[in-house]
Amino acid sequence: MFVVFHVAPEEKITELVAKWIAVDVGTAAPTNFEIAKTTFHLNGRNAGAFNYTQNGPL
């Protein structure tokens, strides 16, 4: 998964937190299971990208 983002120049955001959550996948995982999480520190930037790679099948 590859994510690209752009924050409006007037926004005063210092970091973004992205979570990939399995909301309801039956018996494969508990409800609202957090598969992955990342924190992206903007450091004055208003755009960027990050990616997630799954080792093995979901």
Protein backbone atom coordinates (compact mmCIF):
# COMPACT_ATOMS: atom_id res chain seq x y z
CA MET A 1 0.00 0.00 0.00
CA PHE A 2 1.35 3.41 -0.94
CA VAL A 3 -0.10 6.63 0.50
CA VAL A 4 0.47 10.16 -0.78
CA PHE A 5 -0.79 13.17 1.15
CA HIS A 6 -0.97 16.95 0.91
CA VAL A 7 -1.80 19.22 3.83
CA ALA A 8 -3.25 22.70 3.20
CA PRO A 9 -0.63 25.43 3.80
CA GLU A 10 -2.75 27.06 6.53
CA GLU A 11 -2.90 23.84 8.58
CA LYS A 12 -0.57 23.70 11.59
CA ILE A 13 0.00 19.95 11.63
CA THR A 14 3.34 18.64 12.89
CA GLU A 15 2.74 14.90 12.43
CA LEU A 16 0.34 12.47 10.81
CA VAL A 17 -0.56 9.07 12.25
CA ALA A 18 -1.78 6.40 9.84
CA LYS A 19 -3.42 3.20 11.04
CA TRP A 20 -4.58 0.22 9.02
CA ILE A 21 -7.39 -1.40 11.00
CA ALA A 22 -9.31 -4.61 10.29
CA VAL A 23 -12.77 -3.44 11.38
CA ASP A 24 -14.64 -6.73 10.97
CA VAL A 25 -12.93 -9.74 9.42
CA GLY A 26 -14.92 -12.52 11.06
CA THR A 27 -12.77 -15.00 12.95
CA ALA A 28 -9.52 -13.98 11.21
CA ALA A 29 -8.79 -11.27 13.82
CA PRO A 30 -10.53 -9.47 16.66
CA THR A 31 -12.85 -6.56 15.78
CA ASN A 32 -10.90 -3.32 15.16
CA PHE A 33 -7.55 -5.14 15.07
CA GLU A 34 -4.65 -2.78 14.32
CA ILE A 35 -2.65 -4.34 11.48
CA ALA A 36 -0.12 -1.54 11.13
CA LYS A 37 0.58 1.97 12.38
CA THR A 38 3.08 4.64 11.40
CA THR A 39 3.79 8.19 12.49
CA PHE A 40 5.02 10.66 9.87
CA HIS A 41 6.74 13.80 11.22
CA LEU A 42 6.15 16.65 8.78
CA ASN A 43 9.14 18.80 9.87
CA GLY A 44 7.74 21.84 8.04
CA ARG A 45 6.65 19.95 4.90
CA ASN A 46 3.07 19.99 3.67
CA ALA A 47 3.24 16.89 1.45
CA GLY A 48 4.79 13.47 1.47
CA ALA A 49 4.31 9.74 1.07
CA PHE A 50 4.74 6.50 2.97
CA ASN A 51 4.20 2.85 2.20
CA TYR A 52 3.34 -0.45 3.88
CA THR A 53 4.49 -3.87 2.75
CA GLN A 54 2.92 -7.04 4.11
CA ASN A 55 5.29 -9.98 4.59
CA GLY A 56 3.17 -12.93 3.55
CA PRO A 57 -0.55 -13.23 2.93
CA LEU A 58 -3.17 -11.29 4.83
